[in-house]
Amino acid sequence: MTTGTRRRLRRISLASQAEALPLVKAASTRMQPGQVLVACLDRRRRLIELIPVAADDDELPALAEILARAPKDVRALVVVTLRPNVVPADRPEDEPCWEAMQTALAGSHVTLLDWFVICGERWAWSVAEHADTPARW
């Protein structure tokens, strides 16, 4: 028996850094070091999928090359890595890695919006804040 009512599922919007941070920080509580979390978003910046990937930070450009061939409904990405008790100055190689990810995605239909590094329950930063290429919110 059907009642004729349909529940419409509301998709989670990650259209800004302010909307994205609470979700990625919450999701990071289930992450382990050596994992990358990739948030796949549609053209309206609504969440399609959160994908955990076993990878280190130095493997992110190669991951971006793979994500450049994502299905056409995936239009944007947010990358999250976990580094407990680390500050932004500890990893100066992050900025070249961010630029390499941007280059890997440059010719595709996918835009890398941001790369967040989570370092504790309350602290996160955007690698793009320190790079030549800004976040793409």
N, C-alpha and C. Protein backbone atom coordinates (compact mmCIF):
# COMPACT_ATOMS: atom_id res chain seq x y z
N MET A 1 0.85 -1.17 0.00
CA MET A 1 0.00 0.00 0.00
C MET A 1 0.90 1.24 0.00
N THR A 2 0.54 2.17 -0.83
CA THR A 2 1.27 3.43 -0.84
C THR A 2 0.32 4.55 -0.44
N THR A 3 0.85 5.53 0.22
CA THR A 3 0.01 6.63 0.68
C THR A 3 0.04 7.82 -0.28
N GLY A 4 0.90 7.77 -1.26
CA GLY A 4 0.97 8.86 -2.21
C GLY A 4 1.87 10.00 -1.75
N THR A 5 2.33 9.94 -0.53
CA THR A 5 3.25 10.98 -0.08
C THR A 5 4.68 10.53 -0.37
N ARG A 6 5.46 11.46 -0.79
CA ARG A 6 6.85 11.16 -1.07
C ARG A 6 7.72 12.06 -0.23
N ARG A 7 8.65 11.46 0.39
CA ARG A 7 9.61 12.24 1.17
C ARG A 7 10.73 12.67 0.27
N ARG A 8 11.00 13.91 0.30
CA ARG A 8 12.09 14.43 -0.51
C ARG A 8 13.33 14.53 0.37
N LEU A 9 14.38 13.86 -0.04
CA LEU A 9 15.61 13.90 0.72
C LEU A 9 16.36 15.19 0.41
N ARG A 10 16.73 15.87 1.43
CA ARG A 10 17.47 17.11 1.26
C ARG A 10 18.96 16.80 1.23
N ARG A 11 19.61 17.23 0.19
CA ARG A 11 21.04 17.00 0.07
C ARG A 11 21.82 18.02 0.89
N ILE A 12 22.95 17.59 1.38
CA ILE A 12 23.82 18.45 2.17
C ILE A 12 24.57 19.38 1.24
N SER A 13 24.49 20.67 1.52
CA SER A 13 25.19 21.67 0.71
C SER A 13 26.56 21.97 1.30
N LEU A 14 27.55 22.01 0.41
CA LEU A 14 28.90 22.41 0.79
C LEU A 14 29.34 23.54 -0.14
N ALA A 15 28.52 24.56 -0.21
CA ALA A 15 28.75 25.64 -1.16
C ALA A 15 29.76 26.67 -0.68
N SER A 16 30.19 26.57 0.56
CA SER A 16 31.16 27.52 1.08
C SER A 16 32.07 26.82 2.08
N GLN A 17 33.17 27.48 2.39
CA GLN A 17 34.08 26.93 3.38
C GLN A 17 33.38 26.78 4.74
N ALA A 18 32.53 27.74 5.06
CA ALA A 18 31.80 27.70 6.33
C ALA A 18 30.85 26.50 6.41
N GLU A 19 30.25 26.13 5.28
CA GLU A 19 29.37 24.95 5.26
C GLU A 19 30.18 23.66 5.28
N ALA A 20 31.33 23.67 4.65
CA ALA A 20 32.12 22.45 4.53
C ALA A 20 32.84 22.06 5.81
N LEU A 21 33.38 23.02 6.52
CA LEU A 21 34.21 22.70 7.68
C LEU A 21 33.53 21.85 8.75
N PRO A 22 32.31 22.14 9.18
CA PRO A 22 31.70 21.27 10.20
C PRO A 22 31.55 19.82 9.74
N LEU A 23 31.20 19.62 8.49
CA LEU A 23 31.04 18.25 7.99
C LEU A 23 32.37 17.53 7.91
N VAL A 24 33.38 18.17 7.35
CA VAL A 24 34.65 17.48 7.21
C VAL A 24 35.32 17.24 8.57
N LYS A 25 35.13 18.16 9.50
CA LYS A 25 35.68 17.93 10.83
C LYS A 25 34.97 16.76 11.51
N ALA A 26 33.66 16.66 11.35
CA ALA A 26 32.92 15.54 11.94
C ALA A 26 33.34 14.22 11.27
N ALA A 27 33.45 14.23 9.96
CA ALA A 27 33.83 13.01 9.24
C ALA A 27 35.26 12.59 9.59
N SER A 28 36.10 13.56 9.87
CA SER A 28 37.50 13.24 10.17
C SER A 28 37.67 12.46 11.47
N THR A 29 36.67 12.48 12.33
CA THR A 29 36.77 11.73 13.58
C THR A 29 36.82 10.23 13.33
N ARG A 30 36.43 9.80 12.14
CA ARG A 30 36.47 8.38 11.79
C ARG A 30 37.67 8.04 10.90
N MET A 31 38.49 9.05 10.63
CA MET A 31 39.66 8.84 9.77
C MET A 31 40.86 8.40 10.59
N GLN A 32 41.78 7.74 9.91
CA GLN A 32 43.06 7.34 10.48
C GLN A 32 44.16 8.06 9.71
N PRO A 33 45.31 8.32 10.34
CA PRO A 33 46.43 8.85 9.56
C PRO A 33 46.73 7.93 8.38
N GLY A 34 47.04 8.49 7.25
CA GLY A 34 47.25 7.69 6.04
C GLY A 34 45.99 7.55 5.21
N GLN A 35 44.93 8.24 5.62
CA GLN A 35 43.69 8.25 4.84
C GLN A 35 43.43 9.66 4.35
N VAL A 36 42.82 9.72 3.19
CA VAL A 36 42.36 10.98 2.61
C VAL A 36 40.85 10.85 2.47
N LEU A 37 40.13 11.89 2.81
CA LEU A 37 38.69 11.91 2.61
C LEU A 37 38.41 12.83 1.44
N VAL A 38 37.65 12.34 0.46
CA VAL A 38 37.30 13.13 -0.71
C VAL A 38 35.78 13.34 -0.70
N ALA A 39 35.37 14.60 -0.66
CA ALA A 39 33.96 14.94 -0.76
C ALA A 39 33.67 15.26 -2.22
N CYS A 40 32.79 14.50 -2.83
CA CYS A 40 32.40 14.71 -4.23
C CYS A 40 31.09 15.49 -4.25
N LEU A 41 31.08 16.58 -5.01
CA LEU A 41 29.93 17.48 -5.04
C LEU A 41 29.38 17.60 -6.46
N ASP A 42 28.08 17.91 -6.54
CA ASP A 42 27.46 18.11 -7.85
C ASP A 42 27.63 19.57 -8.29
N ARG A 43 27.00 19.95 -9.38
CA ARG A 43 27.18 21.31 -9.92
C ARG A 43 26.61 22.39 -9.01
N ARG A 44 25.72 22.01 -8.11
CA ARG A 44 25.18 22.97 -7.14
C ARG A 44 25.90 22.89 -5.79
N ARG A 45 27.02 22.19 -5.80
CA ARG A 45 27.85 22.01 -4.61
C ARG A 45 27.13 21.26 -3.50
N ARG A 46 26.29 20.31 -3.91
CA ARG A 46 25.64 19.43 -2.94
C ARG A 46 26.42 18.14 -2.88
N LEU A 47 26.48 17.55 -1.69
CA LEU A 47 27.27 16.35 -1.47
C LEU A 47 26.68 15.16 -2.22
N ILE A 48 27.52 14.51 -3.00
CA ILE A 48 27.14 13.27 -3.67
C ILE A 48 27.65 12.09 -2.85
N GLU A 49 28.92 12.18 -2.44
CA GLU A 49 29.55 11.05 -1.76
C GLU A 49 30.77 11.52 -0.97
N LEU A 50 31.01 10.87 0.16
CA LEU A 50 32.27 11.02 0.90
C LEU A 50 33.04 9.72 0.70
N ILE A 51 34.24 9.83 0.15
CA ILE A 51 35.01 8.63 -0.18
C ILE A 51 36.31 8.63 0.60
N PRO A 52 36.51 7.65 1.49
CA PRO A 52 37.81 7.53 2.16
C PRO A 52 38.78 6.77 1.24
N VAL A 53 40.00 7.28 1.16
CA VAL A 53 41.01 6.69 0.28
C VAL A 53 42.28 6.46 1.11
N ALA A 54 42.87 5.29 0.97
CA ALA A 54 44.15 5.02 1.63
C ALA A 54 45.24 5.66 0.78
N ALA A 55 45.75 6.79 1.25
CA ALA A 55 46.80 7.51 0.52
C ALA A 55 47.51 8.46 1.47
N ASP A 56 48.75 8.75 1.15
CA ASP A 56 49.51 9.75 1.89
C ASP A 56 49.44 11.07 1.14
N ASP A 57 49.84 12.13 1.80
CA ASP A 57 49.78 13.46 1.20
C ASP A 57 50.56 13.55 -0.11
N ASP A 58 51.70 12.87 -0.19
CA ASP A 58 52.50 12.95 -1.41
C ASP A 58 51.85 12.22 -2.59
N GLU A 59 50.81 11.45 -2.34
CA GLU A 59 50.09 10.75 -3.40
C GLU A 59 48.87 11.55 -3.90
N LEU A 60 48.62 12.72 -3.32
CA LEU A 60 47.44 13.51 -3.70
C LEU A 60 47.43 13.94 -5.17
N PRO A 61 48.55 14.36 -5.76
CA PRO A 61 48.50 14.70 -7.20
C PRO A 61 48.07 13.51 -8.08
N ALA A 62 48.56 12.32 -7.75
CA ALA A 62 48.15 11.13 -8.51
C ALA A 62 46.67 10.84 -8.29
N LEU A 63 46.18 11.04 -7.08
CA LEU A 63 44.75 10.87 -6.79
C LEU A 63 43.94 11.88 -7.60
N ALA A 64 44.42 13.11 -7.69
CA ALA A 64 43.72 14.14 -8.48
C ALA A 64 43.63 13.75 -9.94
N GLU A 65 44.68 13.12 -10.48
CA GLU A 65 44.64 12.65 -11.87
C GLU A 65 43.54 11.62 -12.07
N ILE A 66 43.36 10.75 -11.10
CA ILE A 66 42.29 9.75 -11.17
C ILE A 66 40.93 10.44 -11.05
N LEU A 67 40.80 11.37 -10.11
CA LEU A 67 39.53 12.07 -9.90
C LEU A 67 39.15 12.97 -11.07
N ALA A 68 40.11 13.34 -11.89
CA ALA A 68 39.81 14.14 -13.09
C ALA A 68 38.90 13.37 -14.05
N ARG A 69 38.88 12.05 -13.92
CA ARG A 69 38.03 11.20 -14.77
C ARG A 69 36.77 10.73 -14.04
N ALA A 70 36.37 11.46 -13.02
CA ALA A 70 35.17 11.11 -12.24
C ALA A 70 33.94 11.19 -13.14
N PRO A 71 32.86 10.53 -12.74
CA PRO A 71 31.61 10.63 -13.52
C PRO A 71 31.19 12.09 -13.69
N LYS A 72 30.46 12.36 -14.75
CA LYS A 72 30.10 13.74 -15.12
C LYS A 72 29.26 14.46 -14.06
N ASP A 73 28.56 13.73 -13.19
CA ASP A 73 27.78 14.42 -12.17
C ASP A 73 28.66 14.98 -11.04
N VAL A 74 29.89 14.49 -10.95
CA VAL A 74 30.84 15.04 -9.97
C VAL A 74 31.48 16.27 -10.62
N ARG A 75 31.24 17.44 -10.02
CA ARG A 75 31.74 18.70 -10.58
C ARG A 75 32.76 19.39 -9.70
N ALA A 76 32.80 19.02 -8.42
CA ALA A 76 33.73 19.67 -7.50
C ALA A 76 34.15 18.69 -6.41
N LEU A 77 35.33 18.96 -5.84
CA LEU A 77 35.90 18.11 -4.80
C LEU A 77 36.41 18.95 -3.64
N VAL A 78 36.34 18.36 -2.47
CA VAL A 78 37.02 18.89 -1.29
C VAL A 78 37.84 17.73 -0.74
N VAL A 79 39.12 17.98 -0.52
CA VAL A 79 40.02 16.95 -0.01
C VAL A 79 40.32 17.24 1.45
N VAL A 80 40.35 16.19 2.26
CA VAL A 80 40.61 16.32 3.69
C VAL A 80 41.70 15.33 4.09
N THR A 81 42.71 15.83 4.78
CA THR A 81 43.73 14.95 5.35
C THR A 81 43.81 15.20 6.85
N LEU A 82 44.34 14.23 7.53
CA LEU A 82 44.39 14.25 8.98
C LEU A 82 45.85 14.30 9.44
N ARG A 83 46.16 15.29 10.28
CA ARG A 83 47.49 15.41 10.88
C ARG A 83 47.34 15.88 12.32
N PRO A 84 47.17 14.96 13.23
CA PRO A 84 47.01 15.36 14.64
C PRO A 84 48.22 16.14 15.14
N ASN A 85 47.95 17.24 15.85
CA ASN A 85 48.97 18.03 16.54
C ASN A 85 50.04 18.61 15.61
N VAL A 86 49.65 19.07 14.43
CA VAL A 86 50.58 19.68 13.48
C VAL A 86 50.06 21.08 13.14
N VAL A 87 50.97 22.00 12.92
CA VAL A 87 50.59 23.36 12.51
C VAL A 87 50.94 23.56 11.04
N PRO A 88 50.35 24.56 10.36
CA PRO A 88 50.60 24.74 8.93
C PRO A 88 52.07 24.90 8.56
N ALA A 89 52.86 25.50 9.39
CA ALA A 89 54.27 25.72 9.07
C ALA A 89 55.08 24.42 9.00
N ASP A 90 54.53 23.34 9.52
CA ASP A 90 55.27 22.08 9.54
C ASP A 90 55.43 21.42 8.18
N ARG A 91 54.62 21.79 7.21
CA ARG A 91 54.65 21.10 5.91
C ARG A 91 54.71 22.10 4.75
N PRO A 92 55.83 22.70 4.49
CA PRO A 92 55.91 23.67 3.39
C PRO A 92 55.72 23.02 2.02
N GLU A 93 55.85 21.71 1.92
CA GLU A 93 55.63 21.04 0.63
C GLU A 93 54.15 20.93 0.26
N ASP A 94 53.26 21.34 1.16
CA ASP A 94 51.83 21.28 0.86
C ASP A 94 51.44 22.19 -0.31
N GLU A 95 52.02 23.39 -0.35
CA GLU A 95 51.64 24.33 -1.41
C GLU A 95 51.97 23.78 -2.80
N PRO A 96 53.18 23.24 -3.04
CA PRO A 96 53.42 22.63 -4.35
C PRO A 96 52.50 21.44 -4.65
N CYS A 97 52.14 20.70 -3.63
CA CYS A 97 51.21 19.57 -3.81
C CYS A 97 49.83 20.09 -4.23
N TRP A 98 49.36 21.16 -3.58
CA TRP A 98 48.08 21.80 -3.94
C TRP A 98 48.12 22.26 -5.40
N GLU A 99 49.20 22.89 -5.79
CA GLU A 99 49.33 23.37 -7.18
C GLU A 99 49.34 22.20 -8.16
N ALA A 100 50.00 21.11 -7.79
CA ALA A 100 50.03 19.92 -8.65
C ALA A 100 48.64 19.30 -8.79
N MET A 101 47.85 19.32 -7.72
CA MET A 101 46.47 18.81 -7.81
C MET A 101 45.64 19.71 -8.72
N GLN A 102 45.82 21.02 -8.60
CA GLN A 102 45.10 21.95 -9.47
C GLN A 102 45.46 21.70 -10.94
N THR A 103 46.73 21.48 -11.21
CA THR A 103 47.19 21.20 -12.57
C THR A 103 46.59 19.91 -13.10
N ALA A 104 46.55 18.88 -12.26
CA ALA A 104 46.00 17.58 -12.68
C ALA A 104 44.52 17.68 -13.05
N LEU A 105 43.79 18.59 -12.41
CA LEU A 105 42.36 18.72 -12.66
C LEU A 105 42.03 19.83 -13.66
N ALA A 106 43.02 20.58 -14.10
CA ALA A 106 42.80 21.78 -14.92
C ALA A 106 42.01 21.51 -16.19
N GLY A 107 42.24 20.45 -16.88
CA GLY A 107 41.55 20.19 -18.15
C GLY A 107 40.28 19.38 -18.02
N SER A 108 39.85 19.12 -16.80
CA SER A 108 38.69 18.25 -16.61
C SER A 108 37.45 19.05 -16.22
N HIS A 109 36.35 18.34 -16.05
CA HIS A 109 35.09 18.94 -15.63
C HIS A 109 35.00 19.09 -14.10
N VAL A 110 36.05 18.68 -13.40
CA VAL A 110 36.06 18.67 -11.94
C VAL A 110 36.94 19.82 -11.42
N THR A 111 36.42 20.53 -10.42
CA THR A 111 37.15 21.62 -9.77
C THR A 111 37.51 21.21 -8.35
N LEU A 112 38.77 21.40 -7.99
CA LEU A 112 39.18 21.17 -6.62
C LEU A 112 38.93 22.46 -5.85
N LEU A 113 37.97 22.42 -4.95
CA LEU A 113 37.59 23.62 -4.21
C LEU A 113 38.58 23.95 -3.10
N ASP A 114 38.98 22.93 -2.33
CA ASP A 114 39.83 23.19 -1.19
C ASP A 114 40.46 21.90 -0.70
N TRP A 115 41.52 22.06 0.08
CA TRP A 115 42.18 20.95 0.76
C TRP A 115 42.30 21.36 2.22
N PHE A 116 41.55 20.67 3.06
CA PHE A 116 41.58 20.94 4.49
C PHE A 116 42.50 19.94 5.19
N VAL A 117 43.27 20.45 6.12
CA VAL A 117 44.07 19.61 6.99
C VAL A 117 43.46 19.72 8.39
N ILE A 118 43.07 18.59 8.92
CA ILE A 118 42.46 18.53 10.25
C ILE A 118 43.54 18.12 11.23
N CYS A 119 43.70 18.91 12.28
CA CYS A 119 44.75 18.59 13.27
C CYS A 119 44.19 18.75 14.67
N GLY A 120 43.32 17.86 15.01
CA GLY A 120 42.69 17.90 16.33
C GLY A 120 41.19 18.11 16.18
N GLU A 121 40.49 18.07 17.29
CA GLU A 121 39.03 18.17 17.26
C GLU A 121 38.53 19.54 16.87
N ARG A 122 39.32 20.58 17.13
CA ARG A 122 38.83 21.93 16.88
C ARG A 122 39.60 22.71 15.83
N TRP A 123 40.70 22.20 15.36
CA TRP A 123 41.55 23.01 14.50
C TRP A 123 41.68 22.39 13.13
N ALA A 124 41.45 23.21 12.11
CA ALA A 124 41.62 22.80 10.71
C ALA A 124 42.08 24.02 9.94
N TRP A 125 42.80 23.79 8.87
CA TRP A 125 43.18 24.91 8.01
C TRP A 125 43.10 24.49 6.56
N SER A 126 43.03 25.49 5.71
CA SER A 126 43.00 25.29 4.27
C SER A 126 44.41 25.49 3.74
N VAL A 127 44.93 24.49 3.04
CA VAL A 127 46.25 24.61 2.42
C VAL A 127 46.24 25.75 1.41
N ALA A 128 45.10 25.96 0.76
CA ALA A 128 45.01 27.01 -0.26
C ALA A 128 45.26 28.41 0.32
N GLU A 129 45.04 28.59 1.61
CA GLU A 129 45.29 29.89 2.23
C GLU A 129 46.75 30.29 2.14
N HIS A 130 47.64 29.32 2.00
CA HIS A 130 49.08 29.58 1.96
C HIS A 130 49.66 29.41 0.56
N ALA A 131 48.85 29.07 -0.41
CA ALA A 131 49.33 28.76 -1.77
C ALA A 131 49.08 29.92 -2.74
N ASP A 132 49.72 29.84 -3.90
CA ASP A 132 49.52 30.85 -4.94
C ASP A 132 48.11 30.78 -5.52
N THR A 133 47.61 29.57 -5.73
CA THR A 133 46.25 29.40 -6.26
C THR A 133 45.29 29.34 -5.08
N PRO A 134 44.33 30.26 -5.02
CA PRO A 134 43.41 30.29 -3.88
C PRO A 134 42.38 29.16 -3.95
N ALA A 135 41.68 28.96 -2.84
CA ALA A 135 40.55 28.03 -2.82
C ALA A 135 39.52 28.52 -3.84
N ARG A 136 38.72 27.63 -4.32
CA ARG A 136 37.81 27.96 -5.42
C ARG A 136 36.35 27.99 -5.00
N TRP A 137 36.09 28.46 -3.82
CA TRP A 137 34.71 28.54 -3.35
C TRP A 137 33.95 29.57 -4.13
